[in-house]
Amino acid sequence: MNQNGNNVAMKDSSFLDKVLSKIEKAGNKLPDPVTLFIILSALVVIISAMCSAAGISAVHPGTGKTITVVNLLSQDGIRMMLNKAVTNFSGFAPLGMVLVAVIGSGAAEKSGFLAVLMHKVLASAPPAVVTFAILFVGINGNIAGDSAFVIMPPLSAIVFLSMGRHPLLGMFVAYAGVAAGFCANIALGLSDALAYGYTEAAARIIDPTYATSPAINYYFLFASCIILSFAGTFLTEKFMAPRFAGEDISKYAFDSDSVNLTAQQKKGLKAAVLSLLIAILAVIFFCLGDDPLLGDPKTHSLLAATSPLMGGIVLLVSILLFIPGAVYGFVSGEYKNDKELFASVTEAFRDMAPYILLCFFCAQFTSYFAWSNLGLVLAVKGAEFLKAMNFTGTPLLVGLIIVSCIINMFIGSASAKWAILAPVFVPMMMLLNYDPAVSQVAYRIGDSITNPLSPLFYYFPLILGFARRYEKGIGMGTIIANMIPFSFTFAVCWIIQLVVWTTLNLPLGPGGNIFLK
């Protein structure tokens, strides 16, 4: 890639590279993301007025209530857009998490701690092993909620850079794992519980006694973690890495000679690692006991959404990065006083200024889209369309995945989509003798695959902001072009896995079968 974010043509470009380069160039011709969100916001306002005037509506399959499109050009709509502009911005979920994380990551990165540590630990590791590790951790990142989107991409960029590889490749690998592999995990998380709640309610439309557990997809998704990690690693090393070959990474301010540490820097690294271990042990200590400090006050669960561990995961990670970053800076001589420490953190915030600006307009768009009910109506119409196709067997499962993929491009909330789709698809597939667990896993696959492709996805502006720290002129086309191979690969792997699972009638998880008994 060059300074403008365009792919560098290679002598023996593969067919894949040529296709992706065309997509990248076309995508980068789109307006600046800020301009794009302004245009999209205006379109939502205009379309909402047109659809409202036309009387377009849909019946929510779960509640039976009629969903009407709200006219944002009405007096109430205009007043709401004006009154809520500031709260839309301040309440934009990713923004707060990002800024909290930057406090710690800024200290750890600007002091040089992360680059030196990663190089020392990973310099001799085979590239494929590191790629696999990043994908595996990223795919399982949903256990900690959305914090993985904030932490993994920039950290992985530093890991790749410290190994002499292109930082954007590392960033894209991590983003693909976190976003496209979002539903897969080796441990149950909040997303499993949320999905199951809607599945159970929808299943009781047919069987009022239906009840199992949030683990109904566990076996399938556990296997997915391993399958997707291997597939993503093969894709990265065989096809994606050559797209970044031959690039001069010295312009990214990483000098491999800088890791030949002085005695003082070695002392700083040892002190920083020791401080990190002590901090981690402190967190573990607060997780111990029957009523842990970081556990839910009522259930004492560490993984509950209301537990301090899960609710404060971004702050905890920021602290775990800030402490060794500060220790390394002071002991190595990088920082002479606290003013220099916080000046480096301020510099990290300065790097995020374009992202903060983008968040304002992204927040307005997502709020307008939610207020208008256009997304809800689209989701209901999409579900009705698939039901009208009268598919059965594998075509039905693939159809559900595709519908979920398409709707996911417009509605970010996984629970909001499943609240609409579950009352349609779960009963429909139960009447075809499919267990509700099958409907749920097919939906969750589709809901993950297109996450990294949609510019409307909450964290798309974030990855764009991170990428622009390395390439100022990078555009949305570059992100999308490099995500398409991952999304396609994950989709193929997941569909094959689901077909094999259903053909062999393997259990999807505890209490989750393929067919109703």
Protein backbone atom coordinates (compact mmCIF):
# COMPACT_ATOMS: atom_id res chain seq x y z
CA MET A 1 0.00 0.00 0.00
CA ASN A 2 1.22 3.51 -0.66
CA GLN A 3 0.78 6.72 1.24
CA ASN A 4 -2.63 7.27 -0.28
CA GLY A 5 -3.85 3.97 1.01
CA ASN A 6 -3.87 2.36 -2.42
CA ASN A 7 -2.53 -1.09 -3.02
CA VAL A 8 0.93 -1.30 -4.52
CA ALA A 9 0.86 -3.30 -7.74
CA MET A 10 3.11 -6.34 -7.62
CA LYS A 11 4.86 -7.94 -10.55
CA ASP A 12 3.02 -11.23 -10.31
CA SER A 13 -0.28 -10.04 -8.91
CA SER A 14 -2.72 -12.87 -8.32
CA PHE A 15 -6.28 -12.80 -9.59
CA LEU A 16 -7.46 -12.19 -6.03
CA ASP A 17 -5.12 -9.24 -5.63
CA LYS A 18 -6.30 -7.69 -8.91
CA VAL A 19 -9.95 -8.02 -7.86
CA LEU A 20 -9.32 -6.61 -4.40
CA SER A 21 -7.26 -3.76 -5.83
CA LYS A 22 -10.18 -2.74 -8.06
CA ILE A 23 -12.58 -2.89 -5.11
CA GLU A 24 -10.12 -0.90 -3.03
CA LYS A 25 -9.69 1.82 -5.64
CA ALA A 26 -13.44 2.07 -6.20
CA GLY A 27 -14.12 2.21 -2.47
CA ASN A 28 -11.46 4.85 -1.89
CA LYS A 29 -13.19 7.09 -4.43
CA LEU A 30 -16.13 7.39 -2.07
CA PRO A 31 -16.36 10.69 -0.17
CA ASP A 32 -14.59 11.14 3.14
CA PRO A 33 -16.37 9.07 5.83
CA VAL A 34 -17.57 12.26 7.52
CA THR A 35 -19.15 13.42 4.26
CA LEU A 36 -20.57 9.95 3.67
CA PHE A 37 -22.32 9.88 7.06
CA ILE A 38 -23.71 13.37 6.43
CA ILE A 39 -25.13 12.15 3.09
CA LEU A 40 -26.50 8.96 4.65
CA SER A 41 -28.11 10.91 7.48
CA ALA A 42 -29.81 13.20 4.97
CA LEU A 43 -31.01 10.19 2.97
CA VAL A 44 -32.48 8.56 6.07
CA VAL A 45 -34.39 11.76 6.86
CA ILE A 46 -35.73 12.05 3.30
CA ILE A 47 -36.58 8.34 2.94
CA SER A 48 -38.32 8.34 6.32
CA ALA A 49 -40.57 11.17 5.12
CA MET A 50 -41.35 9.36 1.86
CA CYS A 51 -42.04 6.00 3.51
CA SER A 52 -44.16 7.61 6.21
CA ALA A 53 -46.23 9.43 3.60
CA ALA A 54 -46.66 6.15 1.71
CA GLY A 55 -47.91 4.45 4.87
CA ILE A 56 -45.22 1.76 4.84
CA SER A 57 -45.34 -0.41 7.95
CA ALA A 58 -44.77 -3.93 9.22
CA VAL A 59 -46.12 -6.10 12.03
CA HIS A 60 -43.53 -7.10 14.63
CA PRO A 61 -43.68 -10.92 14.68
CA GLY A 62 -42.73 -11.03 18.35
CA THR A 63 -45.12 -8.48 19.85
CA GLY A 64 -47.80 -8.27 17.17
CA LYS A 65 -47.54 -4.48 17.21
CA THR A 66 -47.50 -2.49 13.98
CA ILE A 67 -44.18 -0.80 13.22
CA THR A 68 -44.62 2.42 11.27
CA VAL A 69 -41.89 4.51 9.69
CA VAL A 70 -41.40 7.74 11.63
CA ASN A 71 -41.19 10.92 9.55
CA LEU A 72 -38.03 12.74 10.64
CA LEU A 73 -39.02 15.78 8.56
CA SER A 74 -42.05 16.35 10.75
CA GLN A 75 -42.00 19.00 13.49
CA ASP A 76 -41.38 16.37 16.15
CA GLY A 77 -38.64 14.77 14.07
CA ILE A 78 -36.78 18.03 13.48
CA ARG A 79 -37.06 18.98 17.15
CA MET A 80 -35.72 15.59 18.19
CA MET A 81 -32.75 15.83 15.80
CA LEU A 82 -31.85 19.24 17.25
CA ASN A 83 -32.46 18.39 20.90
CA LYS A 84 -30.67 15.04 20.83
CA ALA A 85 -27.59 15.95 18.75
CA VAL A 86 -25.28 16.33 21.75
CA THR A 87 -26.61 13.31 23.65
CA ASN A 88 -26.36 11.21 20.48
CA PHE A 89 -22.65 12.02 20.43
CA SER A 90 -21.95 11.70 24.15
CA GLY A 91 -23.92 8.46 24.32
CA PHE A 92 -22.26 6.85 21.29
CA ALA A 93 -21.16 3.54 22.80
CA PRO A 94 -17.76 2.98 21.12
CA LEU A 95 -16.49 6.50 21.83
CA GLY A 96 -16.27 6.24 25.60
CA MET A 97 -14.60 2.83 25.47
CA VAL A 98 -12.04 4.02 22.96
CA LEU A 99 -11.06 7.11 24.92
CA VAL A 100 -10.69 5.15 28.16
CA ALA A 101 -8.57 2.52 26.40
CA VAL A 102 -6.35 5.20 24.84
CA ILE A 103 -5.20 6.33 28.30
CA GLY A 104 -3.49 2.99 28.90
CA SER A 105 -2.55 2.09 25.36
CA GLY A 106 -1.13 5.57 24.81
CA ALA A 107 1.26 5.23 27.75
CA ALA A 108 2.26 1.69 26.77
CA GLU A 109 2.78 2.54 23.10
CA LYS A 110 4.38 5.98 23.29
CA SER A 111 6.87 4.88 25.96
CA GLY A 112 8.08 2.14 23.61
CA PHE A 113 7.10 -0.62 26.03
CA LEU A 114 4.73 -2.49 23.71
CA ALA A 115 7.03 -2.49 20.69
CA VAL A 116 10.03 -3.68 22.71
CA LEU A 117 8.05 -6.30 24.60
CA MET A 118 6.40 -7.72 21.48
CA HIS A 119 9.68 -7.87 19.62
CA LYS A 120 11.45 -9.63 22.46
CA VAL A 121 8.66 -12.16 22.91
CA LEU A 122 7.68 -12.76 19.28
CA ALA A 123 10.72 -11.94 17.14
CA SER A 124 11.69 -15.60 16.80
CA ALA A 125 8.14 -16.97 16.58
CA PRO A 126 6.94 -18.27 13.19
CA PRO A 127 4.68 -15.65 11.56
CA ALA A 128 1.86 -18.17 11.07
CA VAL A 129 1.85 -18.99 14.79
CA VAL A 130 1.46 -15.32 15.69
CA THR A 131 -1.28 -14.88 13.08
CA PHE A 132 -3.14 -17.90 14.46
CA ALA A 133 -2.83 -16.58 18.02
CA ILE A 134 -4.20 -13.15 17.04
CA LEU A 135 -7.13 -14.70 15.19
CA PHE A 136 -7.91 -17.13 17.99
CA VAL A 137 -7.82 -14.43 20.68
CA GLY A 138 -9.77 -12.03 18.46
CA ILE A 139 -12.49 -14.56 17.68
CA ASN A 140 -12.88 -15.26 21.40
CA GLY A 141 -12.78 -11.57 22.21
CA ASN A 142 -16.58 -11.38 22.36
CA ILE A 143 -16.38 -13.07 25.76
CA ALA A 144 -15.24 -9.67 27.04
CA GLY A 145 -17.95 -7.86 25.09
CA ASP A 146 -17.08 -5.09 22.64
CA SER A 147 -13.78 -4.19 24.31
CA ALA A 148 -11.91 -6.51 21.93
CA PHE A 149 -12.70 -4.09 19.06
CA VAL A 150 -10.90 -1.35 20.96
CA ILE A 151 -7.90 -3.36 22.13
CA MET A 152 -7.04 -6.05 19.57
CA PRO A 153 -6.56 -4.15 16.25
CA PRO A 154 -4.05 -1.52 17.46
CA LEU A 155 -2.21 -4.05 19.63
CA SER A 156 -1.95 -6.51 16.73
CA ALA A 157 -0.60 -3.75 14.48
CA ILE A 158 2.22 -3.21 16.98
CA VAL A 159 2.84 -6.97 17.18
CA PHE A 160 3.22 -7.26 13.40
CA LEU A 161 5.36 -4.13 13.20
CA SER A 162 7.69 -5.43 15.92
CA MET A 163 8.17 -8.58 13.81
CA GLY A 164 9.07 -6.58 10.72
CA ARG A 165 5.66 -7.09 9.11
CA HIS A 166 3.18 -4.50 7.90
CA PRO A 167 1.17 -3.10 10.83
CA LEU A 168 -2.01 -2.77 8.78
CA LEU A 169 -1.92 -6.49 8.00
CA GLY A 170 -1.86 -7.24 11.72
CA MET A 171 -4.65 -4.75 12.33
CA PHE A 172 -6.83 -6.24 9.59
CA VAL A 173 -6.25 -9.80 10.83
CA ALA A 174 -7.34 -8.81 14.33
CA TYR A 175 -10.38 -6.87 13.09
CA ALA A 176 -11.46 -9.80 10.94
CA GLY A 177 -11.18 -12.17 13.88
CA VAL A 178 -13.05 -9.93 16.30
CA ALA A 179 -15.76 -8.78 13.88
CA ALA A 180 -16.36 -11.63 11.40
CA GLY A 181 -15.84 -14.33 14.05
CA PHE A 182 -17.90 -12.51 16.66
CA CYS A 183 -20.32 -15.31 17.58
CA ALA A 184 -17.72 -18.07 18.02
CA ASN A 185 -16.16 -18.61 21.43
CA ILE A 186 -14.63 -21.24 23.68
CA ALA A 187 -16.56 -20.01 26.72
CA LEU A 188 -20.14 -18.86 27.11
CA GLY A 189 -20.59 -15.11 27.06
CA LEU A 190 -23.27 -12.47 27.26
CA SER A 191 -24.12 -12.86 23.56
CA ASP A 192 -25.08 -16.51 24.14
CA ALA A 193 -27.50 -15.60 26.90
CA LEU A 194 -29.06 -12.75 24.92
CA ALA A 195 -29.59 -14.88 21.82
CA TYR A 196 -31.06 -17.76 23.79
CA GLY A 197 -33.59 -15.52 25.53
CA TYR A 198 -35.23 -14.63 22.22
CA THR A 199 -34.89 -18.19 20.91
CA GLU A 200 -36.69 -19.65 23.91
CA ALA A 201 -39.54 -17.14 23.68
CA ALA A 202 -39.97 -17.83 19.95
CA ALA A 203 -39.85 -21.62 20.43
CA ARG A 204 -42.67 -21.45 22.97
CA ILE A 205 -44.97 -20.24 20.22
CA ILE A 206 -44.94 -23.87 19.02
CA ASP A 207 -43.96 -25.69 22.23
CA PRO A 208 -44.99 -23.83 25.42
CA THR A 209 -42.78 -26.17 27.49
CA TYR A 210 -39.56 -25.53 25.54
CA ALA A 211 -36.58 -24.79 27.79
CA THR A 212 -32.91 -25.75 27.59
CA SER A 213 -29.93 -23.45 28.25
CA PRO A 214 -27.86 -20.66 26.67
CA ALA A 215 -25.27 -23.32 25.77
CA ILE A 216 -27.34 -24.83 22.92
CA ASN A 217 -24.73 -23.81 20.29
CA TYR A 218 -21.63 -24.32 22.43
CA TYR A 219 -20.12 -27.42 20.75
CA PHE A 220 -20.57 -25.94 17.28
CA LEU A 221 -19.14 -22.53 18.15
CA PHE A 222 -16.24 -24.04 20.11
CA ALA A 223 -15.25 -26.00 17.00
CA SER A 224 -15.72 -22.83 14.93
CA CYS A 225 -13.00 -21.06 16.92
CA ILE A 226 -10.42 -23.60 15.84
CA ILE A 227 -11.66 -23.99 12.26
CA LEU A 228 -11.84 -20.24 11.60
CA SER A 229 -8.45 -19.60 13.21
CA PHE A 230 -6.75 -22.15 10.94
CA ALA A 231 -8.66 -20.95 7.86
CA GLY A 232 -7.89 -17.30 8.61
CA THR A 233 -4.21 -18.08 9.18
CA PHE A 234 -3.96 -19.91 5.85
CA LEU A 235 -5.72 -17.04 4.08
CA THR A 236 -3.45 -14.45 5.70
CA GLU A 237 -0.12 -16.14 5.05
CA LYS A 238 -0.95 -17.48 1.58
CA PHE A 239 -2.97 -14.66 0.03
CA MET A 240 -3.17 -11.52 2.18
CA ALA A 241 0.45 -11.10 3.29
CA PRO A 242 1.74 -10.84 -0.33
CA ARG A 243 -0.49 -7.77 -0.79
CA PHE A 244 1.69 -5.98 1.75
CA ALA A 245 5.03 -7.41 0.64
CA GLY A 246 7.83 -5.08 -0.35
CA GLU A 247 6.47 -2.16 1.64
CA ASP A 248 9.01 -0.02 3.49
CA ILE A 249 7.84 -0.19 7.10
CA SER A 250 10.62 2.07 8.36
CA LYS A 251 8.27 5.02 7.74
CA TYR A 252 6.12 3.76 10.60
CA ALA A 253 8.72 4.91 13.14
CA PHE A 254 9.85 1.45 14.14
CA ASP A 255 13.57 0.82 13.95
CA SER A 256 14.56 -2.80 14.53
CA ASP A 257 17.85 -1.54 15.94
CA SER A 258 15.90 0.13 18.74
CA VAL A 259 15.21 -3.25 20.30
CA ASN A 260 18.93 -3.76 20.88
CA LEU A 261 18.39 -2.36 24.32
CA THR A 262 20.74 -0.42 26.49
CA ALA A 263 21.31 -1.63 30.03
CA GLN A 264 18.88 1.00 31.29
CA GLN A 265 16.18 -0.06 28.82
CA LYS A 266 16.62 -3.72 29.77
CA LYS A 267 16.19 -2.72 33.39
CA GLY A 268 13.07 -0.79 32.40
CA LEU A 269 11.64 -3.76 30.51
CA LYS A 270 12.16 -6.09 33.48
CA ALA A 271 10.57 -3.60 35.85
CA ALA A 272 7.63 -3.07 33.49
CA VAL A 273 6.96 -6.79 33.05
CA LEU A 274 7.17 -7.28 36.82
CA SER A 275 4.68 -4.45 37.39
CA LEU A 276 2.36 -5.98 34.79
CA LEU A 277 2.48 -9.38 36.50
CA ILE A 278 1.75 -7.79 39.88
CA ALA A 279 -1.21 -5.90 38.39
CA ILE A 280 -2.57 -9.09 36.77
CA LEU A 281 -2.21 -10.97 40.06
CA ALA A 282 -4.12 -8.18 41.79
CA VAL A 283 -6.99 -8.54 39.31
CA ILE A 284 -6.98 -12.32 39.79
CA PHE A 285 -7.03 -11.86 43.57
CA PHE A 286 -10.15 -9.72 43.30
CA CYS A 287 -11.78 -12.51 41.25
CA LEU A 288 -11.29 -15.15 43.95
CA GLY A 289 -13.68 -16.30 46.65
CA ASP A 290 -17.37 -17.10 46.91
CA ASP A 291 -18.24 -13.41 46.71
CA PRO A 292 -15.46 -11.87 44.60
CA LEU A 293 -15.09 -8.10 44.49
CA LEU A 294 -15.24 -8.19 40.67
CA GLY A 295 -18.24 -10.52 40.63
CA ASP A 296 -21.92 -9.67 40.30
CA PRO A 297 -23.26 -8.44 43.69
CA LYS A 298 -26.25 -10.80 43.53
CA THR A 299 -25.16 -13.87 41.57
CA HIS A 300 -21.40 -13.52 42.31
CA SER A 301 -20.74 -14.48 38.68
CA LEU A 302 -17.63 -12.98 37.12
CA LEU A 303 -19.02 -13.28 33.58
CA ALA A 304 -22.40 -11.67 34.22
CA ALA A 305 -23.01 -8.48 32.27
CA THR A 306 -23.58 -6.65 35.56
CA SER A 307 -20.31 -7.79 37.15
CA PRO A 308 -17.57 -5.18 37.70
CA LEU A 309 -15.20 -7.44 35.76
CA MET A 310 -17.29 -7.34 32.60
CA GLY A 311 -18.62 -3.82 33.08
CA GLY A 312 -15.17 -2.44 33.80
CA ILE A 313 -13.14 -4.61 31.43
CA VAL A 314 -12.04 -1.66 29.27
CA LEU A 315 -10.87 0.33 32.29
CA LEU A 316 -9.08 -2.73 33.73
CA VAL A 317 -7.26 -3.37 30.45
CA SER A 318 -6.36 0.31 30.22
CA ILE A 319 -4.87 0.17 33.72
CA LEU A 320 -2.99 -3.04 32.88
CA LEU A 321 -1.42 -1.23 29.92
CA PHE A 322 -0.83 2.09 31.66
CA ILE A 323 1.09 0.68 34.64
CA PRO A 324 3.87 -1.14 32.72
CA GLY A 325 3.97 1.65 30.12
CA ALA A 326 4.61 4.24 32.81
CA VAL A 327 7.09 2.02 34.68
CA TYR A 328 9.07 1.31 31.51
CA GLY A 329 9.09 4.98 30.59
CA PHE A 330 10.44 6.13 33.94
CA VAL A 331 12.96 3.33 34.55
CA SER A 332 14.31 3.38 30.98
CA GLY A 333 14.69 7.14 31.04
CA GLU A 334 12.08 7.78 28.34
CA TYR A 335 10.13 9.87 30.84
CA LYS A 336 11.83 12.17 33.32
CA ASN A 337 8.68 13.28 35.12
CA ASP A 338 4.90 12.92 35.15
CA LYS A 339 4.51 15.83 32.72
CA GLU A 340 6.33 13.90 30.00
CA LEU A 341 4.25 10.80 30.74
CA PHE A 342 0.93 12.57 30.31
CA ALA A 343 2.24 14.55 27.36
CA SER A 344 2.69 11.21 25.57
CA VAL A 345 -0.84 10.17 26.54
CA THR A 346 -2.11 13.50 25.22
CA GLU A 347 -0.30 12.81 21.96
CA ALA A 348 -2.15 9.48 21.74
CA PHE A 349 -5.44 11.35 22.16
CA ARG A 350 -4.37 13.80 19.47
CA ASP A 351 -3.96 10.85 17.10
CA MET A 352 -7.60 9.94 17.73
CA ALA A 353 -8.96 13.41 16.83
CA PRO A 354 -10.17 12.38 13.32
CA TYR A 355 -12.02 9.42 14.84
CA ILE A 356 -13.70 11.62 17.44
CA LEU A 357 -14.91 13.96 14.68
CA LEU A 358 -16.20 11.00 12.68
CA CYS A 359 -18.04 9.65 15.73
CA PHE A 360 -20.19 12.78 15.95
CA PHE A 361 -21.64 12.25 12.49
CA CYS A 362 -21.79 8.48 12.81
CA ALA A 363 -23.75 8.88 16.05
CA GLN A 364 -26.28 11.16 14.34
CA PHE A 365 -26.78 8.70 11.50
CA THR A 366 -27.28 5.66 13.74
CA SER A 367 -29.73 7.60 15.91
CA TYR A 368 -31.73 8.84 12.91
CA PHE A 369 -31.88 5.32 11.48
CA ALA A 370 -33.10 3.92 14.80
CA TRP A 371 -35.70 6.66 15.32
CA SER A 372 -37.10 6.24 11.81
CA ASN A 373 -37.80 2.49 12.30
CA LEU A 374 -36.53 1.90 8.75
CA GLY A 375 -34.23 -0.87 9.98
CA LEU A 376 -37.01 -2.69 11.85
CA VAL A 377 -39.34 -2.57 8.86
CA LEU A 378 -36.54 -3.81 6.59
CA ALA A 379 -35.80 -6.72 8.94
CA VAL A 380 -39.44 -7.83 9.10
CA LYS A 381 -39.83 -7.59 5.32
CA GLY A 382 -36.64 -9.62 4.83
CA ALA A 383 -37.88 -12.34 7.15
CA GLU A 384 -41.23 -12.47 5.39
CA PHE A 385 -39.48 -12.74 2.02
CA LEU A 386 -37.42 -15.77 3.08
CA LYS A 387 -40.48 -17.43 4.59
CA ALA A 388 -42.37 -16.93 1.32
CA MET A 389 -39.60 -18.71 -0.62
CA ASN A 390 -40.64 -22.03 0.98
CA PHE A 391 -37.07 -23.36 1.16
CA THR A 392 -36.29 -26.56 3.06
CA GLY A 393 -33.13 -28.31 4.24
CA THR A 394 -29.74 -26.80 3.42
CA PRO A 395 -31.15 -24.05 1.12
CA LEU A 396 -33.29 -22.88 4.04
CA LEU A 397 -30.30 -22.71 6.40
CA VAL A 398 -28.19 -20.89 3.82
CA GLY A 399 -31.11 -18.56 3.10
CA LEU A 400 -31.38 -17.67 6.79
CA ILE A 401 -27.64 -16.97 6.90
CA ILE A 402 -27.88 -14.73 3.81
CA VAL A 403 -30.89 -12.79 5.14
CA SER A 404 -29.07 -12.28 8.44
CA CYS A 405 -25.98 -11.09 6.54
CA ILE A 406 -27.96 -8.52 4.57
CA ILE A 407 -29.94 -7.20 7.53
CA ASN A 408 -26.72 -7.00 9.54
CA MET A 409 -25.41 -4.44 7.06
CA PHE A 410 -28.11 -2.03 8.25
CA ILE A 411 -28.83 -2.89 11.90
CA GLY A 412 -25.91 -3.18 14.29
CA SER A 413 -27.58 -4.63 17.38
CA ALA A 414 -27.52 -8.44 17.31
CA SER A 415 -30.26 -8.73 19.92
CA ALA A 416 -32.53 -6.25 18.10
CA LYS A 417 -32.28 -8.26 14.87
CA TRP A 418 -32.88 -11.61 16.55
CA ALA A 419 -35.86 -10.18 18.45
CA ILE A 420 -37.46 -9.62 15.04
CA LEU A 421 -36.23 -12.70 13.18
CA ALA A 422 -36.57 -15.33 15.91
CA PRO A 423 -40.40 -15.25 16.09
CA VAL A 424 -40.48 -15.87 12.33
CA PHE A 425 -37.72 -18.41 11.76
CA VAL A 426 -37.73 -20.47 14.95
CA PRO A 427 -41.42 -21.54 14.70
CA MET A 428 -41.14 -21.97 10.92
CA MET A 429 -38.16 -24.31 11.26
CA MET A 430 -39.70 -26.15 14.21
CA LEU A 431 -42.65 -27.01 11.97
CA LEU A 432 -40.06 -28.51 9.60
CA ASN A 433 -38.73 -30.59 12.54
CA TYR A 434 -35.61 -28.44 13.14
CA ASP A 435 -34.55 -27.76 16.71
CA PRO A 436 -34.52 -24.05 17.70
CA ALA A 437 -30.75 -24.37 18.19
CA VAL A 438 -30.34 -24.72 14.41
CA SER A 439 -32.21 -21.48 13.71
CA GLN A 440 -30.15 -19.68 16.32
CA VAL A 441 -26.77 -20.85 15.07
CA ALA A 442 -27.65 -20.05 11.44
CA TYR A 443 -28.70 -16.55 12.45
CA ARG A 444 -25.57 -15.98 14.54
CA ILE A 445 -23.34 -17.04 11.65
CA GLY A 446 -24.97 -14.54 9.30
CA ASP A 447 -24.91 -11.87 11.98
CA SER A 448 -21.12 -12.18 12.28
CA ILE A 449 -19.93 -12.58 8.69
CA THR A 450 -20.72 -9.11 7.38
CA ASN A 451 -19.73 -7.16 10.51
CA PRO A 452 -16.36 -6.00 9.11
CA LEU A 453 -17.81 -5.11 5.69
CA SER A 454 -20.45 -2.60 6.70
CA PRO A 455 -19.44 1.08 6.96
CA LEU A 456 -22.52 1.39 9.18
CA PHE A 457 -21.09 -1.03 11.75
CA TYR A 458 -20.36 0.81 15.01
CA TYR A 459 -16.68 -0.11 14.99
CA PHE A 460 -15.96 0.50 11.31
CA PRO A 461 -15.09 4.17 11.97
CA LEU A 462 -12.84 2.98 14.79
CA ILE A 463 -10.77 0.64 12.60
CA LEU A 464 -10.57 3.40 10.00
CA GLY A 465 -9.25 5.77 12.65
CA PHE A 466 -6.69 3.23 13.84
CA ALA A 467 -5.55 2.56 10.26
CA ARG A 468 -5.08 6.28 9.57
CA ARG A 469 -2.50 6.41 12.32
CA TYR A 470 -0.27 4.52 9.87
CA GLU A 471 -1.62 5.70 6.50
CA LYS A 472 -3.16 9.17 6.63
CA GLY A 473 -4.89 8.84 3.28
CA ILE A 474 -6.45 5.44 3.80
CA GLY A 475 -10.10 5.13 2.75
CA MET A 476 -13.04 2.84 3.36
CA GLY A 477 -12.25 0.93 0.19
CA THR A 478 -8.98 -0.31 1.69
CA ILE A 479 -10.74 -1.64 4.79
CA ILE A 480 -13.54 -3.32 2.84
CA ALA A 481 -11.22 -4.82 0.20
CA ASN A 482 -9.06 -6.42 2.87
CA MET A 483 -12.07 -7.69 4.83
CA ILE A 484 -13.88 -9.35 1.91
CA PRO A 485 -11.52 -12.38 1.76
CA PHE A 486 -11.92 -12.96 5.50
CA SER A 487 -15.71 -12.64 5.42
CA PHE A 488 -15.95 -14.93 2.40
CA THR A 489 -13.60 -17.52 3.91
CA PHE A 490 -15.42 -17.52 7.24
CA ALA A 491 -18.77 -17.81 5.45
CA VAL A 492 -17.65 -20.82 3.40
CA CYS A 493 -16.14 -22.54 6.45
CA TRP A 494 -19.20 -21.94 8.57
CA ILE A 495 -21.66 -23.10 5.91
CA ILE A 496 -19.65 -26.27 5.30
CA GLN A 497 -19.41 -26.87 9.04
CA LEU A 498 -23.17 -26.40 9.44
CA VAL A 499 -23.95 -28.73 6.54
CA VAL A 500 -21.63 -31.40 8.00
CA TRP A 501 -23.17 -30.94 11.44
CA THR A 502 -26.73 -31.30 10.15
CA THR A 503 -25.87 -34.20 7.84
CA LEU A 504 -24.24 -36.16 10.66
CA ASN A 505 -26.94 -35.05 13.11
CA LEU A 506 -24.33 -33.89 15.64
CA PRO A 507 -25.46 -32.02 18.75
CA LEU A 508 -24.91 -28.26 18.51
CA GLY A 509 -24.51 -27.98 22.26
CA PRO A 510 -25.99 -29.19 25.55
CA GLY A 511 -29.72 -29.34 24.88
CA GLY A 512 -29.25 -28.19 21.30
CA ASN A 513 -29.96 -30.81 18.64
CA ILE A 514 -30.42 -30.71 14.88
CA PHE A 515 -33.90 -32.20 14.80
CA LEU A 516 -36.72 -32.17 17.30
CA LYS A 517 -37.11 -35.41 19.17
